[in-house]
């Protein structure tokens, strides 16, 4: 009898993430009427798509165990820097506006990559802040402040 071992790799994490998102969507989709195939309710599509998402995640997680893979080199410091940058973006969005929040968020998250230089970080932050402002405020007309105020 062979020993069952779990190969922890990127595809396993991706599959588990899809299962989690699908389960969350299914849970919240149950508050809407499902209906039937002939007369679909507002909850039909979210629940069916969430089931499909869970199935795809399950397939990805199972197939990740069938092929050879290498271990993940997860560095907790980099994960915490990226998580902190997302929290900082969320905290700065309303009081500071989209452009400063995006700039600071990208600048902080770029610290997770040790190879990028300071001019590269600032350029990346400026490009992302400009593009996000053009896309979300000018292009889509979303109601959020661009700058302080």
C-alpha atoms as a PDB file:
ATOM      1  CA  UNK A   1       0.000   0.000   0.000  1.00  0.00           C
ATOM      2  CA  UNK A   2       1.455   3.336  -0.989  1.00  0.00           C
ATOM      3  CA  UNK A   3       1.522   6.335   1.280  1.00  0.00           C
ATOM      4  CA  UNK A   4      -0.806   9.202   0.311  1.00  0.00           C
ATOM      5  CA  UNK A   5       1.063  12.494   0.225  1.00  0.00           C
ATOM      6  CA  UNK A   6      -0.278  15.930  -0.575  1.00  0.00           C
ATOM      7  CA  UNK A   7       1.791  17.921  -3.062  1.00  0.00           C
ATOM      8  CA  UNK A   8       1.520  21.563  -2.119  1.00  0.00           C
ATOM      9  CA  UNK A   9       1.913  23.614  -5.294  1.00  0.00           C
ATOM     10  CA  UNK A  10       0.467  26.615  -7.092  1.00  0.00           C
ATOM     11  CA  UNK A  11      -2.256  24.649  -8.813  1.00  0.00           C
ATOM     12  CA  UNK A  12      -3.488  23.173  -5.540  1.00  0.00           C
ATOM     13  CA  UNK A  13      -3.753  26.653  -4.024  1.00  0.00           C
ATOM     14  CA  UNK A  14      -5.514  27.905  -7.162  1.00  0.00           C
ATOM     15  CA  UNK A  15      -8.008  25.048  -7.070  1.00  0.00           C
ATOM     16  CA  UNK A  16      -8.747  25.560  -3.393  1.00  0.00           C
ATOM     17  CA  UNK A  17      -9.173  29.295  -4.005  1.00  0.00           C
ATOM     18  CA  UNK A  18     -11.681  28.626  -6.801  1.00  0.00           C
ATOM     19  CA  UNK A  19     -13.586  26.239  -4.541  1.00  0.00           C
ATOM     20  CA  UNK A  20     -13.669  28.859  -1.781  1.00  0.00           C
ATOM     21  CA  UNK A  21     -14.881  31.632  -4.087  1.00  0.00           C
ATOM     22  CA  UNK A  22     -17.484  29.324  -5.612  1.00  0.00           C
ATOM     23  CA  UNK A  23     -18.767  28.234  -2.194  1.00  0.00           C
ATOM     24  CA  UNK A  24     -18.968  31.860  -1.063  1.00  0.00           C
ATOM     25  CA  UNK A  25     -20.881  32.847  -4.219  1.00  0.00           C
ATOM     26  CA  UNK A  26     -23.222  29.883  -3.880  1.00  0.00           C
ATOM     27  CA  UNK A  27     -23.953  30.703  -0.252  1.00  0.00           C
ATOM     28  CA  UNK A  28     -24.813  34.318  -1.056  1.00  0.00           C
ATOM     29  CA  UNK A  29     -26.690  33.362  -4.230  1.00  0.00           C
ATOM     30  CA  UNK A  30     -29.164  31.324  -2.208  1.00  0.00           C
ATOM     31  CA  UNK A  31     -30.872  34.475  -0.978  1.00  0.00           C
ATOM     32  CA  UNK A  32     -32.368  34.874  -4.475  1.00  0.00           C
ATOM     33  CA  UNK A  33     -35.080  32.695  -5.970  1.00  0.00           C
ATOM     34  CA  UNK A  34     -33.603  29.899  -8.090  1.00  0.00           C
ATOM     35  CA  UNK A  35     -36.573  29.263 -10.367  1.00  0.00           C
ATOM     36  CA  UNK A  36     -36.437  26.502 -12.955  1.00  0.00           C
ATOM     37  CA  UNK A  37     -34.722  25.937 -16.264  1.00  0.00           C
ATOM     38  CA  UNK A  38     -37.826  27.102 -18.122  1.00  0.00           C
ATOM     39  CA  UNK A  39     -38.380  30.112 -15.855  1.00  0.00           C
ATOM     40  CA  UNK A  40     -35.078  31.174 -14.332  1.00  0.00           C
ATOM     41  CA  UNK A  41     -35.051  33.288 -11.211  1.00  0.00           C
ATOM     42  CA  UNK A  42     -32.470  35.908 -10.261  1.00  0.00           C
ATOM     43  CA  UNK A  43     -30.461  33.329  -8.311  1.00  0.00           C
ATOM     44  CA  UNK A  44     -30.239  30.779 -11.118  1.00  0.00           C
ATOM     45  CA  UNK A  45     -27.144  32.052 -12.900  1.00  0.00           C
ATOM     46  CA  UNK A  46     -25.084  32.901  -9.788  1.00  0.00           C
ATOM     47  CA  UNK A  47     -25.742  29.504  -8.232  1.00  0.00           C
ATOM     48  CA  UNK A  48     -25.069  27.523 -11.417  1.00  0.00           C
ATOM     49  CA  UNK A  49     -21.881  29.475 -12.144  1.00  0.00           C
ATOM     50  CA  UNK A  50     -20.682  29.011  -8.573  1.00  0.00           C
ATOM     51  CA  UNK A  51     -21.216  25.250  -8.869  1.00  0.00           C
ATOM     52  CA  UNK A  52     -19.237  25.264 -12.129  1.00  0.00           C
ATOM     53  CA  UNK A  53     -16.494  27.297 -10.423  1.00  0.00           C
ATOM     54  CA  UNK A  54     -16.318  24.794  -7.554  1.00  0.00           C
ATOM     55  CA  UNK A  55     -16.140  21.911 -10.030  1.00  0.00           C
ATOM     56  CA  UNK A  56     -13.322  23.585 -11.956  1.00  0.00           C
ATOM     57  CA  UNK A  57     -11.480  24.211  -8.699  1.00  0.00           C
ATOM     58  CA  UNK A  58     -11.918  20.590  -7.700  1.00  0.00           C
ATOM     59  CA  UNK A  59     -10.608  19.380 -11.058  1.00  0.00           C
ATOM     60  CA  UNK A  60      -7.617  21.714 -10.783  1.00  0.00           C
ATOM     61  CA  UNK A  61      -6.858  20.596  -7.226  1.00  0.00           C
ATOM     62  CA  UNK A  62      -7.102  16.894  -8.097  1.00  0.00           C
ATOM     63  CA  UNK A  63      -5.021  17.159 -11.270  1.00  0.00           C
ATOM     64  CA  UNK A  64      -2.384  19.116  -9.373  1.00  0.00           C
ATOM     65  CA  UNK A  65      -1.728  15.964  -7.357  1.00  0.00           C
ATOM     66  CA  UNK A  66      -1.322  13.753 -10.429  1.00  0.00           C
ATOM     67  CA  UNK A  67       1.606  15.493 -12.110  1.00  0.00           C
ATOM     68  CA  UNK A  68       5.116  16.169 -10.861  1.00  0.00           C
ATOM     69  CA  UNK A  69       5.634  19.566  -9.331  1.00  0.00           C
ATOM     70  CA  UNK A  70       8.068  21.536  -7.260  1.00  0.00           C
ATOM     71  CA  UNK A  71       7.465  22.915  -3.806  1.00  0.00           C
ATOM     72  CA  UNK A  72       6.378  26.510  -3.309  1.00  0.00           C
ATOM     73  CA  UNK A  73       8.905  28.910  -1.867  1.00  0.00           C
ATOM     74  CA  UNK A  74       6.508  31.137   0.060  1.00  0.00           C
ATOM     75  CA  UNK A  75       8.101  34.108   1.774  1.00  0.00           C
ATOM     76  CA  UNK A  76       5.832  35.438   4.485  1.00  0.00           C
ATOM     77  CA  UNK A  77       7.383  38.918   4.465  1.00  0.00           C
ATOM     78  CA  UNK A  78       6.423  39.487   0.836  1.00  0.00           C
ATOM     79  CA  UNK A  79       2.895  38.224   1.422  1.00  0.00           C
ATOM     80  CA  UNK A  80       2.499  40.597   4.382  1.00  0.00           C
ATOM     81  CA  UNK A  81       3.810  43.569   2.361  1.00  0.00           C
ATOM     82  CA  UNK A  82       1.275  42.947  -0.414  1.00  0.00           C
ATOM     83  CA  UNK A  83      -1.553  42.440   2.108  1.00  0.00           C
ATOM     84  CA  UNK A  84      -0.569  45.657   3.892  1.00  0.00           C
ATOM     85  CA  UNK A  85      -0.559  47.541   0.589  1.00  0.00           C
ATOM     86  CA  UNK A  86      -4.105  46.376  -0.164  1.00  0.00           C
ATOM     87  CA  UNK A  87      -5.276  47.424   3.296  1.00  0.00           C
ATOM     88  CA  UNK A  88      -3.542  50.781   2.885  1.00  0.00           C
ATOM     89  CA  UNK A  89      -5.230  51.305  -0.489  1.00  0.00           C
ATOM     90  CA  UNK A  90      -8.624  50.552   1.046  1.00  0.00           C
ATOM     91  CA  UNK A  91      -7.993  52.929   3.954  1.00  0.00           C
ATOM     92  CA  UNK A  92      -6.768  55.762   1.708  1.00  0.00           C
ATOM     93  CA  UNK A  93      -9.351  55.517  -1.074  1.00  0.00           C
ATOM     94  CA  UNK A  94     -12.110  57.646   0.466  1.00  0.00           C
ATOM     95  CA  UNK A  95     -10.115  60.312   2.304  1.00  0.00           C
ATOM     96  CA  UNK A  96      -7.243  60.722  -0.191  1.00  0.00           C
ATOM     97  CA  UNK A  97      -8.852  59.792  -3.508  1.00  0.00           C
ATOM     98  CA  UNK A  98      -8.139  57.194  -6.161  1.00  0.00           C
ATOM     99  CA  UNK A  99      -4.884  58.581  -7.566  1.00  0.00           C
ATOM    100  CA  UNK A 100      -2.997  58.940  -4.247  1.00  0.00           C
ATOM    101  CA  UNK A 101      -4.383  55.645  -2.902  1.00  0.00           C
ATOM    102  CA  UNK A 102      -3.335  53.760  -6.049  1.00  0.00           C
ATOM    103  CA  UNK A 103       0.077  55.433  -6.030  1.00  0.00           C
ATOM    104  CA  UNK A 104       0.762  54.543  -2.387  1.00  0.00           C
ATOM    105  CA  UNK A 105      -0.666  51.038  -2.754  1.00  0.00           C
ATOM    106  CA  UNK A 106       1.529  50.207  -5.739  1.00  0.00           C
ATOM    107  CA  UNK A 107       4.570  51.842  -4.156  1.00  0.00           C
ATOM    108  CA  UNK A 108       4.194  49.792  -0.964  1.00  0.00           C
ATOM    109  CA  UNK A 109       3.440  46.528  -2.792  1.00  0.00           C
ATOM    110  CA  UNK A 110       6.501  46.984  -4.991  1.00  0.00           C
ATOM    111  CA  UNK A 111       8.661  46.516  -1.882  1.00  0.00           C
ATOM    112  CA  UNK A 112       7.830  42.814  -2.139  1.00  0.00           C
ATOM    113  CA  UNK A 113      10.030  42.630  -5.250  1.00  0.00           C
ATOM    114  CA  UNK A 114      13.638  43.105  -4.265  1.00  0.00           C
ATOM    115  CA  UNK A 115      14.858  43.511  -7.845  1.00  0.00           C
ATOM    116  CA  UNK A 116      12.894  46.632  -8.787  1.00  0.00           C
ATOM    117  CA  UNK A 117      14.686  49.970  -8.373  1.00  0.00           C
ATOM    118  CA  UNK A 118      13.278  53.134  -6.837  1.00  0.00           C
ATOM    119  CA  UNK A 119      12.840  54.886 -10.208  1.00  0.00           C
ATOM    120  CA  UNK A 120      11.050  51.751 -11.429  1.00  0.00           C
ATOM    121  CA  UNK A 121       8.782  51.727  -8.386  1.00  0.00           C
ATOM    122  CA  UNK A 122       7.846  55.379  -8.785  1.00  0.00           C
ATOM    123  CA  UNK A 123       7.268  54.984 -12.527  1.00  0.00           C
ATOM    124  CA  UNK A 124       5.094  51.927 -11.978  1.00  0.00           C
ATOM    125  CA  UNK A 125       3.085  53.701  -9.268  1.00  0.00           C
ATOM    126  CA  UNK A 126       2.559  56.768 -11.490  1.00  0.00           C
ATOM    127  CA  UNK A 127       1.457  54.660 -14.462  1.00  0.00           C
ATOM    128  CA  UNK A 128      -0.984  52.575 -12.398  1.00  0.00           C
ATOM    129  CA  UNK A 129      -2.427  55.658 -10.657  1.00  0.00           C
ATOM    130  CA  UNK A 130      -2.884  57.449 -13.987  1.00  0.00           C
ATOM    131  CA  UNK A 131      -4.430  54.462 -15.754  1.00  0.00           C
ATOM    132  CA  UNK A 132      -6.760  53.638 -12.870  1.00  0.00           C
ATOM    133  CA  UNK A 133      -7.925  57.261 -12.760  1.00  0.00           C
ATOM    134  CA  UNK A 134      -8.524  57.324 -16.508  1.00  0.00           C
ATOM    135  CA  UNK A 135     -10.314  53.975 -16.557  1.00  0.00           C
ATOM    136  CA  UNK A 136     -12.488  54.204 -13.451  1.00  0.00           C
ATOM    137  CA  UNK A 137     -13.254  57.912 -13.179  1.00  0.00           C
ATOM    138  CA  UNK A 138     -13.018  59.282 -16.717  1.00  0.00           C
ATOM    139  CA  UNK A 139     -13.890  56.143 -18.686  1.00  0.00           C
ATOM    140  CA  UNK A 140     -16.475  54.413 -16.495  1.00  0.00           C
ATOM    141  CA  UNK A 141     -17.690  57.528 -14.691  1.00  0.00           C
ATOM    142  CA  UNK A 142     -17.469  55.960 -11.245  1.00  0.00           C
ATOM    143  CA  UNK A 143     -18.408  58.218  -8.377  1.00  0.00           C
ATOM    144  CA  UNK A 144     -15.210  58.397  -6.333  1.00  0.00           C
ATOM    145  CA  UNK A 145     -12.851  61.267  -5.582  1.00  0.00           C
ATOM    146  CA  UNK A 146      -9.730  61.631  -7.686  1.00  0.00           C
ATOM    147  CA  UNK A 147      -7.824  63.731  -5.096  1.00  0.00           C
ATOM    148  CA  UNK A 148      -8.267  64.854  -1.525  1.00  0.00           C
ATOM    149  CA  UNK A 149     -11.505  66.549  -0.724  1.00  0.00           C
END
